[in-house]
C-alpha atoms as a PDB file:
ATOM      1  CA  MET A   1      15.780 -21.098  -3.079  1.00  0.00           C
ATOM      2  CA  TRP A   2      18.484 -18.502  -3.740  1.00  0.00           C
ATOM      3  CA  LYS A   3      18.300 -19.192  -7.498  1.00  0.00           C
ATOM      4  CA  PHE A   4      14.588 -18.395  -7.477  1.00  0.00           C
ATOM      5  CA  THR A   5      15.179 -15.172  -5.513  1.00  0.00           C
ATOM      6  CA  VAL A   6      18.009 -14.015  -7.788  1.00  0.00           C
ATOM      7  CA  ARG A   7      15.926 -14.777 -10.868  1.00  0.00           C
ATOM      8  CA  ARG A   8      13.007 -12.733  -9.520  1.00  0.00           C
ATOM      9  CA  LEU A   9      15.351  -9.855  -8.655  1.00  0.00           C
ATOM     10  CA  LEU A  10      16.763  -9.861 -12.184  1.00  0.00           C
ATOM     11  CA  ILE A  11      13.233  -9.810 -13.614  1.00  0.00           C
ATOM     12  CA  MET A  12      12.558  -6.691 -11.539  1.00  0.00           C
ATOM     13  CA  ILE A  13      15.202  -4.651 -13.358  1.00  0.00           C
ATOM     14  CA  PRO A  14      13.443  -4.443 -16.767  1.00  0.00           C
ATOM     15  CA  GLN A  15      10.126  -4.020 -14.947  1.00  0.00           C
ATOM     16  CA  VAL A  16      11.406  -0.945 -13.109  1.00  0.00           C
ATOM     17  CA  VAL A  17      12.986   0.458 -16.282  1.00  0.00           C
ATOM     18  CA  LEU A  18       9.760  -0.025 -18.273  1.00  0.00           C
ATOM     19  CA  LEU A  19       7.760   1.485 -15.421  1.00  0.00           C
ATOM     20  CA  SER A  20       9.985   4.570 -15.322  1.00  0.00           C
ATOM     21  CA  ILE A  21       9.654   5.041 -19.109  1.00  0.00           C
ATOM     22  CA  LEU A  22       5.848   4.814 -18.966  1.00  0.00           C
ATOM     23  CA  ILE A  23       5.685   7.240 -16.036  1.00  0.00           C
ATOM     24  CA  PHE A  24       7.968   9.725 -17.793  1.00  0.00           C
ATOM     25  CA  ILE A  25       5.948   9.575 -21.018  1.00  0.00           C
ATOM     26  CA  MET A  26       2.652  10.034 -19.180  1.00  0.00           C
ATOM     27  CA  ALA A  27       4.134  12.917 -17.218  1.00  0.00           C
ATOM     28  CA  LYS A  28       5.226  14.582 -20.456  1.00  0.00           C
ATOM     29  CA  MET A  29       1.628  14.327 -21.678  1.00  0.00           C
ATOM     30  CA  MET A  30       0.417  16.377 -18.692  1.00  0.00           C
ATOM     31  CA  PRO A  31      -0.318  20.065 -19.292  1.00  0.00           C
ATOM     32  CA  GLY A  32       2.723  22.216 -18.595  1.00  0.00           C
ATOM     33  CA  ASP A  33       6.203  20.947 -17.728  1.00  0.00           C
ATOM     34  CA  ALA A  34       8.685  20.847 -14.867  1.00  0.00           C
ATOM     35  CA  LEU A  35       9.107  24.622 -15.126  1.00  0.00           C
ATOM     36  CA  SER A  36       5.394  25.392 -14.760  1.00  0.00           C
ATOM     37  CA  GLY A  37       4.610  27.263 -11.563  1.00  0.00           C
ATOM     38  CA  MET A  38       8.266  27.948 -10.754  1.00  0.00           C
ATOM     39  CA  ILE A  39       8.572  31.229 -12.630  1.00  0.00           C
ATOM     40  CA  ASP A  40       6.838  34.573 -12.497  1.00  0.00           C
ATOM     41  CA  PRO A  41       4.205  34.696 -15.271  1.00  0.00           C
ATOM     42  CA  ASN A  42       5.025  38.381 -15.764  1.00  0.00           C
ATOM     43  CA  ILE A  43       8.491  37.555 -17.083  1.00  0.00           C
ATOM     44  CA  ASP A  44       9.058  38.151 -20.761  1.00  0.00           C
ATOM     45  CA  PRO A  45       7.963  35.024 -22.774  1.00  0.00           C
ATOM     46  CA  LYS A  46      11.242  35.104 -24.668  1.00  0.00           C
ATOM     47  CA  THR A  47      13.166  34.821 -21.423  1.00  0.00           C
ATOM     48  CA  ILE A  48      10.960  31.906 -20.354  1.00  0.00           C
ATOM     49  CA  GLU A  49      11.639  30.090 -23.629  1.00  0.00           C
ATOM     50  CA  GLU A  50      15.381  30.648 -23.211  1.00  0.00           C
ATOM     51  CA  LEU A  51      15.163  29.164 -19.729  1.00  0.00           C
ATOM     52  CA  ARG A  52      13.271  26.128 -21.057  1.00  0.00           C
ATOM     53  CA  GLU A  53      15.933  25.697 -23.726  1.00  0.00           C
ATOM     54  CA  LYS A  54      18.655  25.905 -21.094  1.00  0.00           C
ATOM     55  CA  LEU A  55      16.943  23.250 -18.982  1.00  0.00           C
ATOM     56  CA  GLY A  56      16.587  20.955 -21.991  1.00  0.00           C
ATOM     57  CA  LEU A  57      12.794  20.953 -22.015  1.00  0.00           C
ATOM     58  CA  HIS A  58      12.788  21.220 -25.805  1.00  0.00           C
ATOM     59  CA  ASP A  59      15.057  18.189 -26.245  1.00  0.00           C
ATOM     60  CA  PRO A  60      13.592  14.921 -27.619  1.00  0.00           C
ATOM     61  CA  TRP A  61      11.735  12.930 -24.953  1.00  0.00           C
ATOM     62  CA  TYR A  62      14.313  10.129 -24.880  1.00  0.00           C
ATOM     63  CA  VAL A  63      17.103  12.620 -24.216  1.00  0.00           C
ATOM     64  CA  GLN A  64      15.070  14.140 -21.390  1.00  0.00           C
ATOM     65  CA  TYR A  65      14.344  10.658 -20.033  1.00  0.00           C
ATOM     66  CA  VAL A  66      18.039   9.732 -19.919  1.00  0.00           C
ATOM     67  CA  ASN A  67      18.852  12.963 -18.070  1.00  0.00           C
ATOM     68  CA  TRP A  68      15.935  12.369 -15.687  1.00  0.00           C
ATOM     69  CA  ALA A  69      17.020   8.775 -15.038  1.00  0.00           C
ATOM     70  CA  LYS A  70      20.586   9.924 -14.326  1.00  0.00           C
ATOM     71  CA  ASP A  71      19.281  12.396 -11.738  1.00  0.00           C
ATOM     72  CA  LEU A  72      17.140   9.669 -10.159  1.00  0.00           C
ATOM     73  CA  PHE A  73      20.148   7.365  -9.937  1.00  0.00           C
ATOM     74  CA  HIS A  74      22.011  10.075  -8.025  1.00  0.00           C
ATOM     75  CA  GLY A  75      19.061  10.681  -5.698  1.00  0.00           C
ATOM     76  CA  ASP A  76      17.973  13.967  -7.279  1.00  0.00           C
ATOM     77  CA  LEU A  77      14.177  13.896  -7.633  1.00  0.00           C
ATOM     78  CA  GLY A  78      13.907  17.523  -8.612  1.00  0.00           C
ATOM     79  CA  GLN A  79      12.340  20.544  -6.929  1.00  0.00           C
ATOM     80  CA  SER A  80       8.763  21.007  -5.776  1.00  0.00           C
ATOM     81  CA  PHE A  81       7.503  24.352  -7.046  1.00  0.00           C
ATOM     82  CA  ARG A  82       4.641  24.371  -4.526  1.00  0.00           C
ATOM     83  CA  TYR A  83       6.695  23.687  -1.387  1.00  0.00           C
ATOM     84  CA  LYS A  84       9.910  25.280  -2.719  1.00  0.00           C
ATOM     85  CA  MET A  85      12.070  22.407  -1.464  1.00  0.00           C
ATOM     86  CA  PRO A  86      13.747  19.260  -2.841  1.00  0.00           C
ATOM     87  CA  VAL A  87      11.285  16.483  -3.635  1.00  0.00           C
ATOM     88  CA  SER A  88      13.429  13.885  -1.834  1.00  0.00           C
ATOM     89  CA  GLU A  89      13.247  15.918   1.379  1.00  0.00           C
ATOM     90  CA  LEU A  90       9.503  16.479   0.996  1.00  0.00           C
ATOM     91  CA  ILE A  91       8.788  12.787   0.410  1.00  0.00           C
ATOM     92  CA  GLY A  92      11.050  11.861   3.322  1.00  0.00           C
ATOM     93  CA  GLN A  93       8.902  13.956   5.663  1.00  0.00           C
ATOM     94  CA  ARG A  94       5.662  12.325   4.483  1.00  0.00           C
ATOM     95  CA  LEU A  95       7.086   8.803   4.180  1.00  0.00           C
ATOM     96  CA  VAL A  96       7.292   8.345   7.962  1.00  0.00           C
ATOM     97  CA  ASN A  97       3.567   8.977   8.446  1.00  0.00           C
ATOM     98  CA  THR A  98       2.580   6.659   5.594  1.00  0.00           C
ATOM     99  CA  PHE A  99       4.908   3.936   6.888  1.00  0.00           C
ATOM    100  CA  TRP A 100       3.374   3.903  10.371  1.00  0.00           C
ATOM    101  CA  LEU A 101      -0.149   4.055   8.977  1.00  0.00           C
ATOM    102  CA  SER A 102       0.560   1.124   6.647  1.00  0.00           C
ATOM    103  CA  LEU A 103       2.236  -0.890   9.405  1.00  0.00           C
ATOM    104  CA  ALA A 104      -0.693  -0.370  11.778  1.00  0.00           C
ATOM    105  CA  THR A 105      -3.108  -1.347   9.003  1.00  0.00           C
ATOM    106  CA  LEU A 106      -1.195  -4.557   8.201  1.00  0.00           C
ATOM    107  CA  ILE A 107      -1.152  -5.573  11.865  1.00  0.00           C
ATOM    108  CA  LEU A 108      -4.887  -4.953  12.206  1.00  0.00           C
ATOM    109  CA  ILE A 109      -5.638  -6.845   8.986  1.00  0.00           C
ATOM    110  CA  TYR A 110      -3.999 -10.031  10.238  1.00  0.00           C
ATOM    111  CA  VAL A 111      -5.236  -9.640  13.821  1.00  0.00           C
ATOM    112  CA  ILE A 112      -8.821  -9.411  12.531  1.00  0.00           C
ATOM    113  CA  SER A 113      -8.791 -11.690   9.490  1.00  0.00           C
ATOM    114  CA  ILE A 114      -7.020 -14.776  10.862  1.00  0.00           C
ATOM    115  CA  PRO A 115      -9.410 -15.419  13.812  1.00  0.00           C
ATOM    116  CA  LEU A 116     -12.455 -14.696  11.642  1.00  0.00           C
ATOM    117  CA  GLY A 117     -11.210 -16.962   8.862  1.00  0.00           C
ATOM    118  CA  ILE A 118     -10.454 -19.780  11.295  1.00  0.00           C
ATOM    119  CA  ILE A 119     -13.889 -19.576  12.944  1.00  0.00           C
ATOM    120  CA  SER A 120     -15.673 -19.350   9.606  1.00  0.00           C
ATOM    121  CA  GLY A 121     -13.752 -22.271   8.097  1.00  0.00           C
ATOM    122  CA  ARG A 122     -13.852 -24.591  11.084  1.00  0.00           C
ATOM    123  CA  TYR A 123     -17.537 -24.069  11.783  1.00  0.00           C
ATOM    124  CA  ASN A 124     -18.724 -23.596   8.208  1.00  0.00           C
ATOM    125  CA  ASP A 125     -22.474 -23.328   7.654  1.00  0.00           C
ATOM    126  CA  SER A 126     -22.981 -22.310  11.288  1.00  0.00           C
ATOM    127  CA  TRP A 127     -24.548 -19.012  12.336  1.00  0.00           C
ATOM    128  CA  ALA A 128     -21.058 -17.636  13.059  1.00  0.00           C
ATOM    129  CA  ASP A 129     -19.898 -18.591   9.559  1.00  0.00           C
ATOM    130  CA  GLN A 130     -22.955 -16.958   8.017  1.00  0.00           C
ATOM    131  CA  ALA A 131     -22.364 -13.754   9.993  1.00  0.00           C
ATOM    132  CA  ILE A 132     -18.688 -13.604   9.009  1.00  0.00           C
ATOM    133  CA  THR A 133     -19.479 -14.403   5.375  1.00  0.00           C
ATOM    134  CA  GLY A 134     -22.109 -11.661   5.385  1.00  0.00           C
ATOM    135  CA  TYR A 135     -19.495  -9.231   6.695  1.00  0.00           C
ATOM    136  CA  THR A 136     -17.098 -10.167   3.889  1.00  0.00           C
ATOM    137  CA  TYR A 137     -19.811  -9.743   1.250  1.00  0.00           C
ATOM    138  CA  ILE A 138     -20.597  -6.282   2.597  1.00  0.00           C
ATOM    139  CA  GLY A 139     -16.875  -5.492   2.643  1.00  0.00           C
ATOM    140  CA  PHE A 140     -16.431  -6.562  -0.975  1.00  0.00           C
ATOM    141  CA  ALA A 141     -19.356  -4.365  -2.021  1.00  0.00           C
ATOM    142  CA  THR A 142     -18.391  -1.258  -0.014  1.00  0.00           C
ATOM    143  CA  PRO A 143     -15.918   1.227  -1.552  1.00  0.00           C
ATOM    144  CA  LEU A 144     -13.127   2.135   0.832  1.00  0.00           C
ATOM    145  CA  PHE A 145     -13.629   5.891   0.519  1.00  0.00           C
ATOM    146  CA  ILE A 146     -17.348   5.586   1.383  1.00  0.00           C
ATOM    147  CA  PHE A 147     -16.593   3.381   4.403  1.00  0.00           C
ATOM    148  CA  ALA A 148     -13.872   5.762   5.602  1.00  0.00           C
ATOM    149  CA  LEU A 149     -16.188   8.767   5.273  1.00  0.00           C
ATOM    150  CA  VAL A 150     -18.879   7.001   7.325  1.00  0.00           C
ATOM    151  CA  LEU A 151     -16.402   6.110  10.091  1.00  0.00           C
ATOM    152  CA  LEU A 152     -15.045   9.665  10.110  1.00  0.00           C
ATOM    153  CA  TRP A 153     -18.557  11.104  10.372  1.00  0.00           C
ATOM    154  CA  ILE A 154     -19.616   8.734  13.164  1.00  0.00           C
ATOM    155  CA  PHE A 155     -16.500   8.418  15.322  1.00  0.00           C
ATOM    156  CA  GLY A 156     -14.868  11.732  14.451  1.00  0.00           C
ATOM    157  CA  TYR A 157     -17.713  14.235  14.281  1.00  0.00           C
ATOM    158  CA  GLN A 158     -20.741  12.625  15.971  1.00  0.00           C
ATOM    159  CA  VAL A 159     -19.190  10.623  18.811  1.00  0.00           C
ATOM    160  CA  GLY A 160     -15.899  12.531  18.964  1.00  0.00           C
ATOM    161  CA  TRP A 161     -13.762   9.539  19.930  1.00  0.00           C
ATOM    162  CA  PHE A 162     -11.046  10.219  17.354  1.00  0.00           C
ATOM    163  CA  PRO A 163      -9.439  13.321  15.807  1.00  0.00           C
ATOM    164  CA  THR A 164     -10.731  14.376  12.395  1.00  0.00           C
ATOM    165  CA  GLY A 165      -7.430  15.408  10.833  1.00  0.00           C
ATOM    166  CA  GLY A 166      -3.674  15.692  11.163  1.00  0.00           C
ATOM    167  CA  SER A 167      -1.075  13.209  12.383  1.00  0.00           C
ATOM    168  CA  VAL A 168      -0.263  14.666  15.807  1.00  0.00           C
ATOM    169  CA  SER A 169      -1.632  17.283  18.191  1.00  0.00           C
ATOM    170  CA  PRO A 170       0.160  20.642  17.918  1.00  0.00           C
ATOM    171  CA  GLY A 171       2.567  21.850  20.575  1.00  0.00           C
ATOM    172  CA  LEU A 172       3.937  18.443  21.606  1.00  0.00           C
ATOM    173  CA  ILE A 173       7.652  17.763  21.886  1.00  0.00           C
ATOM    174  CA  PRO A 174       8.858  15.204  19.297  1.00  0.00           C
ATOM    175  CA  GLY A 175      10.055  12.021  20.962  1.00  0.00           C
ATOM    176  CA  SER A 176       8.076  12.516  24.161  1.00  0.00           C
ATOM    177  CA  PHE A 177       5.537   9.968  25.378  1.00  0.00           C
ATOM    178  CA  GLU A 178       2.675  12.401  24.708  1.00  0.00           C
ATOM    179  CA  TYR A 179       3.923  12.925  21.145  1.00  0.00           C
ATOM    180  CA  ILE A 180       4.111   9.178  20.408  1.00  0.00           C
ATOM    181  CA  ALA A 181       0.697   8.565  21.995  1.00  0.00           C
ATOM    182  CA  SER A 182      -0.811  11.366  19.898  1.00  0.00           C
ATOM    183  CA  LYS A 183       0.720   9.876  16.744  1.00  0.00           C
ATOM    184  CA  LEU A 184      -0.858   6.503  17.497  1.00  0.00           C
ATOM    185  CA  TYR A 185      -4.177   8.124  18.368  1.00  0.00           C
ATOM    186  CA  HIS A 186      -4.330  10.030  15.076  1.00  0.00           C
ATOM    187  CA  LEU A 187      -3.507   7.029  12.879  1.00  0.00           C
ATOM    188  CA  LEU A 188      -5.851   4.572  14.624  1.00  0.00           C
ATOM    189  CA  LEU A 189      -9.119   5.479  12.878  1.00  0.00           C
ATOM    190  CA  PRO A 190      -7.582   5.661   9.356  1.00  0.00           C
ATOM    191  CA  ALA A 191      -5.875   2.298   9.976  1.00  0.00           C
ATOM    192  CA  ILE A 192      -9.122   0.728  11.183  1.00  0.00           C
ATOM    193  CA  SER A 193     -10.919   2.047   8.103  1.00  0.00           C
ATOM    194  CA  MET A 194      -8.462   0.373   5.734  1.00  0.00           C
ATOM    195  CA  ALA A 195      -8.124  -2.774   7.819  1.00  0.00           C
ATOM    196  CA  LEU A 196     -11.846  -3.547   8.070  1.00  0.00           C
ATOM    197  CA  ILE A 197     -12.136  -3.440   4.272  1.00  0.00           C
ATOM    198  CA  GLY A 198      -8.752  -5.052   3.654  1.00  0.00           C
ATOM    199  CA  THR A 199      -9.530  -8.122   5.777  1.00  0.00           C
ATOM    200  CA  VAL A 200     -12.369  -9.466   3.645  1.00  0.00           C
ATOM    201  CA  GLY A 201     -10.183 -11.088   0.988  1.00  0.00           C
ATOM    202  CA  THR A 202      -7.945 -12.790   3.562  1.00  0.00           C
ATOM    203  CA  VAL A 203     -10.941 -14.017   5.587  1.00  0.00           C
ATOM    204  CA  GLN A 204     -12.579 -15.578   2.540  1.00  0.00           C
ATOM    205  CA  TYR A 205      -9.331 -17.134   1.339  1.00  0.00           C
ATOM    206  CA  LEU A 206      -8.530 -18.647   4.745  1.00  0.00           C
ATOM    207  CA  ARG A 207     -12.100 -19.941   5.132  1.00  0.00           C
ATOM    208  CA  ASN A 208     -11.999 -21.636   1.743  1.00  0.00           C
ATOM    209  CA  GLU A 209      -8.563 -23.110   2.441  1.00  0.00           C
ATOM    210  CA  ILE A 210      -9.729 -24.651   5.732  1.00  0.00           C
ATOM    211  CA  ILE A 211     -12.891 -26.079   4.176  1.00  0.00           C
ATOM    212  CA  ASP A 212     -10.926 -27.472   1.243  1.00  0.00           C
ATOM    213  CA  THR A 213      -8.209 -28.973   3.471  1.00  0.00           C
ATOM    214  CA  LYS A 214     -10.790 -30.715   5.653  1.00  0.00           C
ATOM    215  CA  GLN A 215     -11.796 -32.777   2.623  1.00  0.00           C
ATOM    216  CA  LYS A 216      -8.272 -33.896   1.650  1.00  0.00           C
ATOM    217  CA  ASP A 217      -7.363 -37.574   1.681  1.00  0.00           C
ATOM    218  CA  PHE A 218      -4.666 -37.228   4.356  1.00  0.00           C
ATOM    219  CA  ILE A 219      -7.206 -35.645   6.720  1.00  0.00           C
ATOM    220  CA  LEU A 220      -9.665 -38.470   6.138  1.00  0.00           C
ATOM    221  CA  THR A 221      -6.836 -40.965   6.713  1.00  0.00           C
ATOM    222  CA  ALA A 222      -5.813 -39.321   9.988  1.00  0.00           C
ATOM    223  CA  ARG A 223      -9.389 -39.438  11.243  1.00  0.00           C
ATOM    224  CA  ALA A 224      -9.758 -43.065  10.130  1.00  0.00           C
ATOM    225  CA  LYS A 225      -6.704 -43.956  12.231  1.00  0.00           C
ATOM    226  CA  GLY A 226      -8.460 -42.559  15.288  1.00  0.00           C
ATOM    227  CA  ALA A 227      -6.410 -39.373  15.751  1.00  0.00           C
ATOM    228  CA  PRO A 228      -8.060 -36.892  18.134  1.00  0.00           C
ATOM    229  CA  GLU A 229     -10.006 -34.162  16.346  1.00  0.00           C
ATOM    230  CA  SER A 230      -7.994 -31.427  18.059  1.00  0.00           C
ATOM    231  CA  ARG A 231      -4.742 -32.938  16.756  1.00  0.00           C
ATOM    232  CA  VAL A 232      -6.167 -33.358  13.247  1.00  0.00           C
ATOM    233  CA  TYR A 233      -7.300 -29.767  13.190  1.00  0.00           C
ATOM    234  CA  ASN A 234      -4.286 -28.079  14.791  1.00  0.00           C
ATOM    235  CA  ASN A 235      -1.487 -30.178  13.265  1.00  0.00           C
ATOM    236  CA  HIS A 236      -2.910 -30.811   9.816  1.00  0.00           C
ATOM    237  CA  ILE A 237      -5.842 -28.627   8.801  1.00  0.00           C
ATOM    238  CA  LEU A 238      -4.873 -25.318  10.398  1.00  0.00           C
ATOM    239  CA  ARG A 239      -1.160 -25.569   9.675  1.00  0.00           C
ATOM    240  CA  ASN A 240      -1.661 -26.349   5.991  1.00  0.00           C
ATOM    241  CA  SER A 241      -4.334 -23.651   5.626  1.00  0.00           C
ATOM    242  CA  LEU A 242      -2.327 -20.874   7.265  1.00  0.00           C
ATOM    243  CA  LEU A 243       0.825 -21.293   5.181  1.00  0.00           C
ATOM    244  CA  PRO A 244      -0.570 -19.786   1.943  1.00  0.00           C
ATOM    245  CA  ILE A 245      -1.845 -16.783   3.924  1.00  0.00           C
ATOM    246  CA  ALA A 246       1.780 -15.718   4.391  1.00  0.00           C
ATOM    247  CA  ALA A 247       1.963 -15.092   0.652  1.00  0.00           C
ATOM    248  CA  PHE A 248      -0.765 -12.465   1.024  1.00  0.00           C
ATOM    249  CA  PHE A 249       1.651 -10.186   2.867  1.00  0.00           C
ATOM    250  CA  GLY A 250       3.215  -8.749  -0.271  1.00  0.00           C
ATOM    251  CA  TYR A 251      -0.135  -8.279  -1.985  1.00  0.00           C
ATOM    252  CA  GLU A 252      -1.446  -6.483   1.101  1.00  0.00           C
ATOM    253  CA  ILE A 253       1.391  -3.977   0.657  1.00  0.00           C
ATOM    254  CA  THR A 254       0.296  -3.382  -2.918  1.00  0.00           C
ATOM    255  CA  GLY A 255      -3.312  -2.891  -1.838  1.00  0.00           C
ATOM    256  CA  LEU A 256      -2.287  -0.377   0.814  1.00  0.00           C
ATOM    257  CA  ILE A 257      -0.888   1.937  -1.847  1.00  0.00           C
ATOM    258  CA  SER A 258      -4.294   2.757  -3.298  1.00  0.00           C
ATOM    259  CA  GLY A 259      -5.874   2.686   0.159  1.00  0.00           C
ATOM    260  CA  THR A 260      -3.592   5.335   1.627  1.00  0.00           C
ATOM    261  CA  ILE A 261      -4.254   7.705  -1.284  1.00  0.00           C
ATOM    262  CA  PHE A 262      -7.972   7.847  -0.458  1.00  0.00           C
ATOM    263  CA  VAL A 263      -7.826   7.484   3.321  1.00  0.00           C
ATOM    264  CA  GLU A 264      -5.094  10.066   3.889  1.00  0.00           C
ATOM    265  CA  ASN A 265      -7.089  12.655   1.980  1.00  0.00           C
ATOM    266  CA  ILE A 266     -10.345  11.826   3.776  1.00  0.00           C
ATOM    267  CA  PHE A 267      -8.714  12.082   7.209  1.00  0.00           C
ATOM    268  CA  SER A 268      -6.373  14.957   6.221  1.00  0.00           C
ATOM    269  CA  TYR A 269      -3.499  12.716   7.241  1.00  0.00           C
ATOM    270  CA  PRO A 270      -0.195  14.196   5.977  1.00  0.00           C
ATOM    271  CA  GLY A 271       1.314  11.215   4.197  1.00  0.00           C
ATOM    272  CA  MET A 272       2.458  10.325   0.697  1.00  0.00           C
ATOM    273  CA  GLY A 273      -1.073   9.524  -0.452  1.00  0.00           C
ATOM    274  CA  GLN A 274      -2.296  13.017   0.353  1.00  0.00           C
ATOM    275  CA  LEU A 275       0.840  14.510  -1.177  1.00  0.00           C
ATOM    276  CA  PHE A 276       0.259  12.509  -4.360  1.00  0.00           C
ATOM    277  CA  LEU A 277      -3.248  13.872  -4.968  1.00  0.00           C
ATOM    278  CA  GLU A 278      -2.079  17.391  -4.105  1.00  0.00           C
ATOM    279  CA  SER A 279       0.723  17.128  -6.663  1.00  0.00           C
ATOM    280  CA  ILE A 280      -1.741  15.975  -9.341  1.00  0.00           C
ATOM    281  CA  THR A 281      -4.266  18.763  -8.707  1.00  0.00           C
ATOM    282  CA  THR A 282      -1.575  21.460  -8.525  1.00  0.00           C
ATOM    283  CA  ARG A 283       0.451  19.956 -11.411  1.00  0.00           C
ATOM    284  CA  ASP A 284       3.565  19.708  -9.272  1.00  0.00           C
ATOM    285  CA  TYR A 285       5.410  17.792 -11.986  1.00  0.00           C
ATOM    286  CA  SER A 286       8.454  16.580 -10.054  1.00  0.00           C
ATOM    287  CA  VAL A 287       6.504  15.393  -7.022  1.00  0.00           C
ATOM    288  CA  ALA A 288       3.858  13.601  -9.105  1.00  0.00           C
ATOM    289  CA  THR A 289       6.369  11.654 -11.214  1.00  0.00           C
ATOM    290  CA  SER A 290       8.534  10.743  -8.219  1.00  0.00           C
ATOM    291  CA  LEU A 291       5.613   9.472  -6.137  1.00  0.00           C
ATOM    292  CA  THR A 292       4.141   7.503  -9.032  1.00  0.00           C
ATOM    293  CA  LEU A 293       7.496   5.811  -9.553  1.00  0.00           C
ATOM    294  CA  LEU A 294       7.842   5.042  -5.840  1.00  0.00           C
ATOM    295  CA  PHE A 295       4.329   3.589  -5.674  1.00  0.00           C
ATOM    296  CA  GLY A 296       5.057   1.455  -8.736  1.00  0.00           C
ATOM    297  CA  ILE A 297       8.324   0.150  -7.271  1.00  0.00           C
ATOM    298  CA  ALA A 298       6.526  -0.607  -3.991  1.00  0.00           C
ATOM    299  CA  ALA A 299       3.935  -2.645  -5.913  1.00  0.00           C
ATOM    300  CA  ILE A 300       6.679  -4.595  -7.691  1.00  0.00           C
ATOM    301  CA  LEU A 301       8.464  -5.230  -4.381  1.00  0.00           C
ATOM    302  CA  GLY A 302       5.181  -6.392  -2.834  1.00  0.00           C
ATOM    303  CA  THR A 303       4.756  -8.950  -5.597  1.00  0.00           C
ATOM    304  CA  LEU A 304       8.380 -10.047  -5.131  1.00  0.00           C
ATOM    305  CA  ILE A 305       7.848 -10.562  -1.398  1.00  0.00           C
ATOM    306  CA  SER A 306       4.716 -12.612  -2.050  1.00  0.00           C
ATOM    307  CA  ASP A 307       6.521 -14.807  -4.584  1.00  0.00           C
ATOM    308  CA  ILE A 308       9.430 -15.417  -2.218  1.00  0.00           C
ATOM    309  CA  VAL A 309       7.179 -16.245   0.737  1.00  0.00           C
ATOM    310  CA  LEU A 310       5.042 -18.505  -1.425  1.00  0.00           C
ATOM    311  CA  SER A 311       8.143 -20.335  -2.639  1.00  0.00           C
ATOM    312  CA  LEU A 312       9.115 -20.947   0.985  1.00  0.00           C
ATOM    313  CA  VAL A 313       5.761 -22.454   1.912  1.00  0.00           C
ATOM    314  CA  ASP A 314       5.265 -24.257  -1.409  1.00  0.00           C
ATOM    315  CA  PRO A 315       8.608 -25.594  -2.772  1.00  0.00           C
ATOM    316  CA  ARG A 316       6.895 -26.836  -5.940  1.00  0.00           C
ATOM    317  CA  ILE A 317       7.056 -23.376  -7.523  1.00  0.00           C
ATOM    318  CA  ARG A 318      10.784 -22.893  -6.992  1.00  0.00           C
ATOM    319  CA  ILE A 319      13.113 -22.777  -9.983  1.00  0.00           C
ATOM    320  CA  LYS A 320      15.749 -25.435  -9.556  1.00  0.00           C
END
């Protein structure tokens, strides 16, 4: 097992390096540069060019990349010209909100999808299975941003059950019970929006696994020996069907990255997703490149987690 994990970790290194090179090149293709927006446009153009020369913005791209990578290695992500503060500090402030939103979404995804998948798979072709399958088809066909807008309009503006923006009510003392409760209250509707769409893939996968397992030879043998149906289902069908679902955990993390970008902007939730779109529209060079790199590394880590979990539940894929 450890050989497989070490091998996957070593594979990550060139992936991260290649990802950083692609991000840097794409960032260089954006209009402007890291100095854009940080200086007074009324300054003499000659002085601006001297400043760009001093900062190395006229150096070859590979020289700039090496300098950028060195700064990243030392934890220096640059300066945000819009917020006038270090990018690492800015991302640190938003990271907490995105973390709790993602965690709440993951919990809701598994709380909703596992019971629905079990019911749909065990009682396939029943009215319950047809209703659940219809829900998954609708979920596959519905864009997340449309679904989130509808929920915001209904439960935020029409019914008024949830707040329509922000991550906490103003004036509360951080760390108090009221502050924590307000945090949970503000992230609930965005988390539900992502979870209801994010469950459909897991529900369908679990349903298909249960139906497929019910037709395996060892299940037919257990029934032929007279084993009670409850024991056959709980000890054989359900256990073997649930194990591969664990591998979905890492891929759910990857899917949350794109989900938070849309949902945080729709609900005005101050997280990394909202910050990312703001940095793109305002051409905040340092913030945009740093967040893109972090999202890419998170996607790679999600895939790594899925591979490791899958190797635990299915030893056949391990590298001996």
